[in-house]
Amino acid sequence: MSTKASPPASRCRDGGIGGEGPFARALLEQMRSAPAASVGEGTRIVILSDLHMGDGSSRDDLRENGELLAAVLDRHYLPRGSTLVLNGDIEDLQKFPLKRIRAAWGSVFAAFDRFAREGRLHKIYGNHDEDLLEDARYPYPLSPGLRLEWGNRRLYAYHGHQASGFFVKHNAVSGAAIRYVLHTLGIHNRSPSQDSSRRYGVERRIYEFSSRSGIVSIIGHTHRPLFESLSKYDRLRYEIERLCLEYCGASEGRKAEIERIVAVFKDEFCRMGIRDRRRGRGLYGRDIILPCLFNSGSAVGKKGVTAIEIEDERISLAYWFEEGKARPYVALETGPATAIEGTRFMGVVLASKSLADVFARMDLLS
């Protein structure tokens, strides 16, 4: 195993400055009692969250990507020997009963069963599937999170709703309102995934905890993929800036290529919501952003499924989609796509870094 970066003397992984405040103290206590797994050479872990599996109807959030998800699990991650971490809001029990969900998604549960039989499944609960804790017949062990130990450093996978006092205190009331009132009337609830102010509030609170404690947090909940605390907005903006700096000294052929790439990135950048654009630099109230927060995104929407992968001491953000449906900027931002044999689905790595690099920059920038 490679040499690990040591935490600065001014911080403690299990307390100290990271332990300030009731949220941080509760999360540290939860983390101490959570199951643990070692990370090193040969590690293969995939973290998925927010599948929001329903009953297969038009109100099922997984409906667009269910076939894609089943193929990715059955034909890619299972054969690779990956450990599957389901990081909360997998079954949407705030809208549908578990019996109907299992009936609709037999292929996905069959894949879960195979991971579980081989000892390669960790199931973490979120606010939408927390009621599973009361179901004695549920087949998979449940936990609030998973500690990932890399030498003397720690990554912690947890859903992320713990950063919202509302969901911690009133999740049962929220679930009843969604199922019996909003869902019945066809009204979308304003969850953090749909409300930018609440989304940024959750992310900012978890970022502060992670940066102070020296722990890498891997969450879901907000449905917004994050890599090294940066969103797609941030990655596009920084890449546009880098290409503009390269432009003046480039050859004529390279200048033409830069012009084409910048135009595609600019179109995607401008397509984003105005609130996302305004909340770019200084998103977490800092000019220098520590790479301590990752989010696996979701399987909700028409464009595909995102996941966090940890393989051979590297952490990556993966994106799976149906051929021809990815937005144009993806091909310019990534390397070659991985095709799932016998299907129309493929995947790319949007970003990847070694854990040594992530923790070294956390220590240097803190």
Protein backbone atom coordinates (compact mmCIF):
# COMPACT_ATOMS: atom_id res chain seq x y z
CA MET A 1 0.00 0.00 0.00
CA SER A 2 1.22 3.50 -0.78
CA THR A 3 2.37 5.95 1.89
CA LYS A 4 -0.52 7.71 3.58
CA ALA A 5 -0.76 11.40 4.31
CA SER A 6 -0.89 12.06 8.05
CA PRO A 7 -3.52 14.36 9.54
CA PRO A 8 -2.30 17.74 10.82
CA ALA A 9 -1.53 17.94 14.50
CA SER A 10 -4.21 20.61 14.96
CA ARG A 11 -7.11 18.28 14.21
CA CYS A 12 -8.44 14.98 15.45
CA ARG A 13 -10.21 12.43 13.29
CA ASP A 14 -12.77 11.54 15.98
CA GLY A 15 -13.33 14.81 17.79
CA GLY A 16 -11.50 18.04 18.48
CA ILE A 17 -12.46 20.83 16.13
CA GLY A 18 -14.50 18.39 14.04
CA GLY A 19 -16.65 17.62 17.07
CA GLU A 20 -18.07 21.12 17.52
CA GLY A 21 -21.86 21.40 17.44
CA PRO A 22 -24.67 18.86 17.94
CA PHE A 23 -24.70 17.75 14.28
CA ALA A 24 -20.98 17.00 14.26
CA ARG A 25 -21.11 15.24 17.64
CA ALA A 26 -24.07 13.09 16.57
CA LEU A 27 -22.41 12.19 13.27
CA LEU A 28 -19.11 11.27 14.93
CA GLU A 29 -20.97 9.07 17.42
CA GLN A 30 -22.88 7.42 14.58
CA MET A 31 -19.64 6.85 12.67
CA ARG A 32 -17.93 5.15 15.61
CA SER A 33 -20.66 2.50 15.77
CA ALA A 34 -21.01 2.01 11.99
CA PRO A 35 -19.57 -1.04 10.22
CA ALA A 36 -16.10 -0.61 8.70
CA ALA A 37 -14.21 -1.81 5.64
CA SER A 38 -10.55 -1.43 4.67
CA VAL A 39 -9.47 0.31 1.48
CA GLY A 40 -6.23 -0.59 -0.30
CA GLU A 41 -4.75 -2.31 -3.32
CA GLY A 42 -7.37 -4.54 -4.93
CA THR A 43 -10.33 -2.67 -3.40
CA ARG A 44 -13.38 -2.41 -5.65
CA ILE A 45 -16.34 -0.51 -4.21
CA VAL A 46 -19.24 1.19 -5.95
CA ILE A 47 -21.51 3.58 -4.04
CA LEU A 48 -25.02 4.28 -5.33
CA SER A 49 -27.70 6.38 -3.67
CA ASP A 50 -31.18 7.76 -4.30
CA LEU A 51 -32.58 5.10 -6.60
CA HIS A 52 -36.07 5.98 -5.32
CA MET A 53 -37.50 2.67 -6.48
CA GLY A 54 -41.28 2.78 -6.82
CA ASP A 55 -44.03 0.60 -8.22
CA GLY A 56 -43.16 0.93 -11.91
CA SER A 57 -45.92 3.47 -12.56
CA SER A 58 -45.51 6.91 -14.12
CA ARG A 59 -44.80 8.30 -10.63
CA ASP A 60 -41.89 5.92 -10.08
CA ASP A 61 -38.67 7.97 -10.08
CA LEU A 62 -36.58 4.99 -11.24
CA ARG A 63 -38.77 4.27 -14.24
CA GLU A 64 -36.49 6.05 -16.74
CA ASN A 65 -33.30 4.31 -15.60
CA GLY A 66 -34.41 0.97 -14.16
CA GLU A 67 -33.24 -1.14 -17.10
CA LEU A 68 -29.94 0.75 -17.20
CA LEU A 69 -29.38 0.24 -13.46
CA ALA A 70 -30.08 -3.50 -13.65
CA ALA A 71 -27.62 -3.88 -16.54
CA VAL A 72 -24.88 -1.89 -14.77
CA LEU A 73 -25.20 -4.01 -11.62
CA ASP A 74 -25.60 -7.40 -13.29
CA ARG A 75 -23.19 -7.04 -16.20
CA HIS A 76 -20.52 -4.69 -14.87
CA TYR A 77 -20.13 -4.41 -11.10
CA LEU A 78 -21.04 -8.00 -10.23
CA PRO A 79 -18.55 -9.59 -12.68
CA ARG A 80 -15.83 -7.15 -11.56
CA GLY A 81 -16.14 -8.36 -7.99
CA SER A 82 -17.18 -4.93 -6.71
CA THR A 83 -18.72 -4.40 -3.28
CA LEU A 84 -22.04 -2.56 -3.59
CA VAL A 85 -22.80 0.19 -1.09
CA LEU A 86 -26.42 1.39 -1.28
CA ASN A 87 -26.28 4.79 0.36
CA GLY A 88 -29.88 5.58 1.28
CA ASP A 89 -33.24 6.30 -0.37
CA ILE A 90 -33.10 3.07 -2.34
CA GLU A 91 -36.76 2.06 -1.89
CA ASP A 92 -39.10 5.04 -1.84
CA LEU A 93 -41.27 4.02 1.11
CA GLN A 94 -42.61 7.54 1.48
CA LYS A 95 -44.61 6.97 -1.71
CA PHE A 96 -45.06 3.21 -2.14
CA PRO A 97 -45.36 0.05 0.01
CA LEU A 98 -42.36 -2.28 -0.08
CA LYS A 99 -44.40 -5.17 -1.55
CA ARG A 100 -45.25 -3.19 -4.67
CA ILE A 101 -41.67 -1.95 -5.03
CA ARG A 102 -40.25 -5.47 -4.89
CA ALA A 103 -42.83 -6.67 -7.44
CA ALA A 104 -41.88 -3.88 -9.86
CA TRP A 105 -38.10 -4.24 -9.62
CA GLY A 106 -37.41 -7.97 -9.44
CA SER A 107 -34.33 -7.69 -11.68
CA VAL A 108 -32.71 -5.08 -9.47
CA PHE A 109 -33.47 -6.96 -6.26
CA ALA A 110 -32.09 -10.13 -7.87
CA ALA A 111 -28.79 -8.28 -8.34
CA PHE A 112 -28.90 -7.05 -4.73
CA ASP A 113 -29.42 -10.66 -3.64
CA ARG A 114 -26.35 -11.82 -5.55
CA PHE A 115 -24.17 -9.14 -3.97
CA ALA A 116 -25.57 -10.06 -0.54
CA ARG A 117 -24.98 -13.83 -0.99
CA GLU A 118 -21.36 -13.13 -1.86
CA GLY A 119 -20.90 -10.85 1.16
CA ARG A 120 -20.54 -7.78 -1.04
CA LEU A 121 -23.52 -5.64 -0.03
CA HIS A 122 -23.77 -2.79 2.48
CA LYS A 123 -27.21 -1.18 2.88
CA ILE A 124 -27.38 2.30 4.42
CA TYR A 125 -30.76 3.85 5.14
CA GLY A 126 -31.87 7.37 4.22
CA ASN A 127 -34.92 9.44 5.02
CA HIS A 128 -37.08 7.76 2.33
CA ASP A 129 -36.31 4.18 3.41
CA GLU A 130 -35.76 4.64 7.16
CA ASP A 131 -38.98 2.69 7.87
CA LEU A 132 -37.11 -0.48 6.88
CA LEU A 133 -35.64 -0.43 10.39
CA GLU A 134 -39.08 -1.48 11.64
CA ASP A 135 -39.39 -4.39 9.18
CA ALA A 136 -38.08 -7.56 10.83
CA ARG A 137 -38.43 -9.48 7.55
CA TYR A 138 -36.24 -7.17 5.49
CA PRO A 139 -33.48 -9.38 4.05
CA TYR A 140 -30.45 -7.06 4.17
CA PRO A 141 -28.73 -5.71 7.29
CA LEU A 142 -29.16 -1.95 7.65
CA SER A 143 -26.75 0.63 9.03
CA PRO A 144 -26.56 4.44 9.31
CA GLY A 145 -23.25 4.54 7.42
CA LEU A 146 -20.05 2.74 6.42
CA ARG A 147 -16.55 3.67 7.61
CA LEU A 148 -13.88 3.20 4.95
CA GLU A 149 -10.42 3.01 6.48
CA TRP A 150 -7.44 3.90 4.27
CA GLY A 151 -4.38 3.54 6.47
CA ASN A 152 -4.83 6.09 9.25
CA ARG A 153 -7.29 8.16 7.22
CA ARG A 154 -11.04 7.79 7.00
CA LEU A 155 -13.82 8.14 4.47
CA TYR A 156 -17.39 7.90 5.73
CA ALA A 157 -20.34 7.00 3.50
CA TYR A 158 -23.75 8.10 4.85
CA HIS A 159 -26.91 9.34 3.22
CA GLY A 160 -26.66 13.01 4.23
CA HIS A 161 -30.15 13.72 5.56
CA GLN A 162 -28.51 13.86 8.99
CA ALA A 163 -27.47 17.42 8.08
CA SER A 164 -31.12 18.48 7.97
CA GLY A 165 -32.67 18.99 11.38
CA PHE A 166 -36.12 18.70 9.80
CA PHE A 167 -35.56 15.16 8.51
CA VAL A 168 -33.90 14.06 11.74
CA LYS A 169 -36.81 15.31 13.89
CA HIS A 170 -39.85 15.07 11.61
CA ASN A 171 -39.14 12.42 8.98
CA ALA A 172 -42.24 10.38 9.90
CA VAL A 173 -44.50 13.41 9.51
CA SER A 174 -42.81 14.31 6.23
CA GLY A 175 -43.29 10.78 4.91
CA ALA A 176 -46.97 10.74 5.77
CA ALA A 177 -47.51 14.11 4.09
CA ILE A 178 -45.73 12.94 0.93
CA ARG A 179 -47.58 9.62 0.66
CA TYR A 180 -51.10 10.59 1.69
CA VAL A 181 -51.34 14.23 0.59
CA LEU A 182 -48.72 15.40 -1.93
CA HIS A 183 -48.33 12.09 -3.78
CA THR A 184 -52.11 11.56 -3.95
CA LEU A 185 -52.62 15.03 -5.42
CA GLY A 186 -49.65 14.72 -7.79
CA ILE A 187 -47.75 17.55 -6.05
CA HIS A 188 -43.96 17.35 -5.84
CA ASN A 189 -42.56 17.94 -2.37
CA ARG A 190 -39.73 20.48 -2.06
CA SER A 191 -36.96 18.15 -1.00
CA PRO A 192 -33.31 19.26 -0.98
CA SER A 193 -32.93 17.65 -4.42
CA GLN A 194 -35.54 20.07 -5.81
CA ASP A 195 -34.88 23.15 -3.67
CA SER A 196 -31.49 24.74 -4.38
CA SER A 197 -31.37 26.69 -1.09
CA ARG A 198 -31.97 23.56 1.00
CA ARG A 199 -29.57 21.56 -1.18
CA TYR A 200 -26.74 24.02 -0.67
CA GLY A 201 -27.54 24.25 3.02
CA VAL A 202 -27.14 20.49 3.49
CA GLU A 203 -23.95 20.40 1.42
CA ARG A 204 -22.45 23.38 3.24
CA ARG A 205 -23.11 21.86 6.65
CA ILE A 206 -21.53 18.53 5.67
CA TYR A 207 -18.61 20.32 4.02
CA GLU A 208 -17.91 22.21 7.24
CA PHE A 209 -17.99 19.00 9.26
CA SER A 210 -15.70 17.21 6.81
CA SER A 211 -13.16 20.01 6.43
CA ARG A 212 -12.88 20.49 10.20
CA SER A 213 -12.60 16.81 11.07
CA GLY A 214 -10.28 15.75 8.23
CA ILE A 215 -12.79 13.11 7.13
CA VAL A 216 -13.93 12.60 3.53
CA SER A 217 -17.74 12.45 3.44
CA ILE A 218 -19.48 10.47 0.68
CA ILE A 219 -23.17 11.31 0.64
CA GLY A 220 -26.33 11.24 -1.49
CA HIS A 221 -29.63 12.93 -0.55
CA THR A 222 -29.30 16.12 -2.65
CA HIS A 223 -29.13 14.17 -5.95
CA ARG A 224 -26.29 16.47 -7.07
CA PRO A 225 -23.07 14.66 -8.04
CA LEU A 226 -20.03 16.20 -6.34
CA PHE A 227 -16.37 15.35 -6.77
CA GLU A 228 -13.80 16.91 -4.44
CA SER A 229 -16.53 19.28 -3.19
CA LEU A 230 -17.10 20.57 -6.72
CA SER A 231 -20.26 20.33 -8.83
CA LYS A 232 -20.56 20.03 -12.60
CA TYR A 233 -20.86 23.83 -12.65
CA ASP A 234 -17.51 24.21 -10.91
CA ARG A 235 -15.74 21.64 -13.11
CA LEU A 236 -16.99 23.28 -16.31
CA ARG A 237 -16.06 26.77 -15.14
CA TYR A 238 -12.54 25.79 -14.13
CA GLU A 239 -12.01 23.89 -17.38
CA ILE A 240 -13.19 26.88 -19.42
CA GLU A 241 -10.76 29.11 -17.51
CA ARG A 242 -7.90 26.63 -18.08
CA LEU A 243 -8.61 26.41 -21.82
CA CYS A 244 -8.75 30.19 -22.12
CA LEU A 245 -5.33 30.48 -20.48
CA GLU A 246 -3.96 27.86 -22.89
CA TYR A 247 -5.46 29.54 -25.96
CA CYS A 248 -2.99 32.40 -26.56
CA GLY A 249 0.07 30.16 -26.66
CA ALA A 250 -1.56 27.35 -28.65
CA SER A 251 -0.93 26.43 -32.28
CA GLU A 252 -3.52 27.37 -34.87
CA GLY A 253 -4.85 23.80 -34.97
CA ARG A 254 -5.10 23.64 -31.18
CA LYS A 255 -6.79 27.06 -31.09
CA ALA A 256 -9.55 25.76 -33.37
CA GLU A 257 -10.00 22.74 -31.10
CA ILE A 258 -10.12 24.93 -27.99
CA GLU A 259 -12.74 27.16 -29.62
CA ARG A 260 -14.91 24.13 -30.36
CA ILE A 261 -14.56 22.68 -26.83
CA VAL A 262 -15.22 26.02 -25.11
CA ALA A 263 -18.34 26.53 -27.20
CA VAL A 264 -19.75 23.16 -26.09
CA PHE A 265 -18.84 23.76 -22.44
CA LYS A 266 -20.27 27.27 -22.59
CA ASP A 267 -23.59 25.96 -23.96
CA GLU A 268 -23.85 23.46 -21.10
CA PHE A 269 -22.78 26.09 -18.59
CA CYS A 270 -25.48 28.51 -19.76
CA ARG A 271 -28.11 25.77 -19.80
CA MET A 272 -27.84 25.39 -16.05
CA GLY A 273 -30.25 27.17 -13.73
CA ILE A 274 -29.44 30.75 -12.78
CA ARG A 275 -29.27 29.89 -9.07
CA ASP A 276 -26.68 27.18 -9.75
CA ARG A 277 -24.58 29.67 -11.73
CA ARG A 278 -24.78 32.32 -9.03
CA ARG A 279 -23.69 29.87 -6.33
CA GLY A 280 -20.44 28.88 -8.00
CA ARG A 281 -17.33 30.35 -6.45
CA GLY A 282 -17.42 30.40 -2.67
CA LEU A 283 -20.23 27.81 -2.55
CA TYR A 284 -19.17 26.72 0.93
CA GLY A 285 -18.20 30.20 2.10
CA ARG A 286 -14.52 29.61 1.33
CA ASP A 287 -12.19 30.94 -1.38
CA ILE A 288 -10.11 27.75 -1.18
CA ILE A 289 -12.20 24.58 -1.41
CA LEU A 290 -11.00 21.42 0.33
CA PRO A 291 -11.63 18.14 -1.59
CA CYS A 292 -13.50 16.59 1.35
CA LEU A 293 -17.06 16.16 0.02
CA PHE A 294 -18.25 13.65 -2.59
CA ASN A 295 -21.81 12.88 -3.68
CA SER A 296 -22.82 9.84 -5.73
CA GLY A 297 -25.76 11.71 -7.30
CA SER A 298 -28.79 9.58 -8.12
CA ALA A 299 -30.58 7.30 -10.58
CA VAL A 300 -33.40 9.82 -10.97
CA GLY A 301 -34.02 11.66 -14.24
CA LYS A 302 -33.72 10.92 -17.93
CA LYS A 303 -29.99 11.30 -18.44
CA GLY A 304 -28.62 8.27 -16.59
CA VAL A 305 -27.08 7.05 -13.32
CA THR A 306 -24.07 8.40 -11.43
CA ALA A 307 -21.95 6.55 -8.87
CA ILE A 308 -18.84 6.95 -6.74
CA GLU A 309 -16.23 4.24 -7.30
CA ILE A 310 -13.25 3.43 -5.08
CA GLU A 311 -10.82 1.13 -6.86
CA ASP A 312 -7.12 0.47 -6.16
CA GLU A 313 -6.78 3.49 -3.86
CA ARG A 314 -8.45 5.86 -6.34
CA ILE A 315 -11.82 7.56 -6.03
CA SER A 316 -13.85 8.33 -9.16
CA LEU A 317 -17.19 9.74 -10.26
CA ALA A 318 -18.76 7.42 -12.86
CA TYR A 319 -21.66 8.18 -15.19
CA TRP A 320 -23.79 5.50 -16.89
CA PHE A 321 -26.17 6.32 -19.73
CA GLU A 322 -27.95 5.04 -22.82
CA GLU A 323 -25.98 5.40 -26.04
CA GLY A 324 -26.77 8.69 -27.74
CA LYS A 325 -28.42 10.28 -24.70
CA ALA A 326 -25.43 11.85 -22.91
CA ARG A 327 -25.09 15.61 -23.25
CA PRO A 328 -22.37 16.74 -25.77
CA TYR A 329 -19.97 18.08 -23.13
CA VAL A 330 -19.50 14.61 -21.59
CA ALA A 331 -17.45 13.24 -24.49
CA LEU A 332 -15.12 16.25 -24.30
CA GLU A 333 -14.72 16.04 -20.50
CA THR A 334 -13.95 12.32 -20.30
CA GLY A 335 -11.93 9.51 -21.81
CA PRO A 336 -13.28 6.58 -23.84
CA ALA A 337 -16.63 5.10 -22.80
CA THR A 338 -17.03 1.57 -21.42
CA ALA A 339 -19.78 -0.32 -23.25
CA ILE A 340 -21.87 -2.91 -21.43
CA GLU A 341 -21.75 -5.86 -23.79
CA GLY A 342 -25.07 -6.93 -25.24
CA THR A 343 -26.83 -3.68 -24.28
CA ARG A 344 -27.21 -0.12 -25.56
CA PHE A 345 -25.70 1.23 -22.32
CA MET A 346 -22.26 2.66 -21.61
CA GLY A 347 -20.35 4.51 -18.93
CA VAL A 348 -17.56 7.06 -18.51
CA VAL A 349 -15.43 8.33 -15.64
CA LEU A 350 -16.15 12.03 -15.17
CA ALA A 351 -13.34 12.60 -12.65
CA SER A 352 -10.76 10.49 -10.81
CA LYS A 353 -8.06 11.11 -8.19
CA SER A 354 -5.83 9.03 -5.96
CA LEU A 355 -6.74 9.01 -2.28
CA ALA A 356 -3.17 10.09 -1.54
CA ASP A 357 -3.75 13.24 -3.59
CA VAL A 358 -7.13 13.95 -1.98
CA PHE A 359 -5.86 13.73 1.60
CA ALA A 360 -2.58 15.52 0.87
CA ARG A 361 -4.47 18.50 -0.57
CA MET A 362 -6.90 18.46 2.35
CA ASP A 363 -3.94 18.76 4.72
CA LEU A 364 -2.09 21.40 2.70
CA LEU A 365 -5.15 23.59 2.10
CA SER A 366 -6.73 23.37 5.55
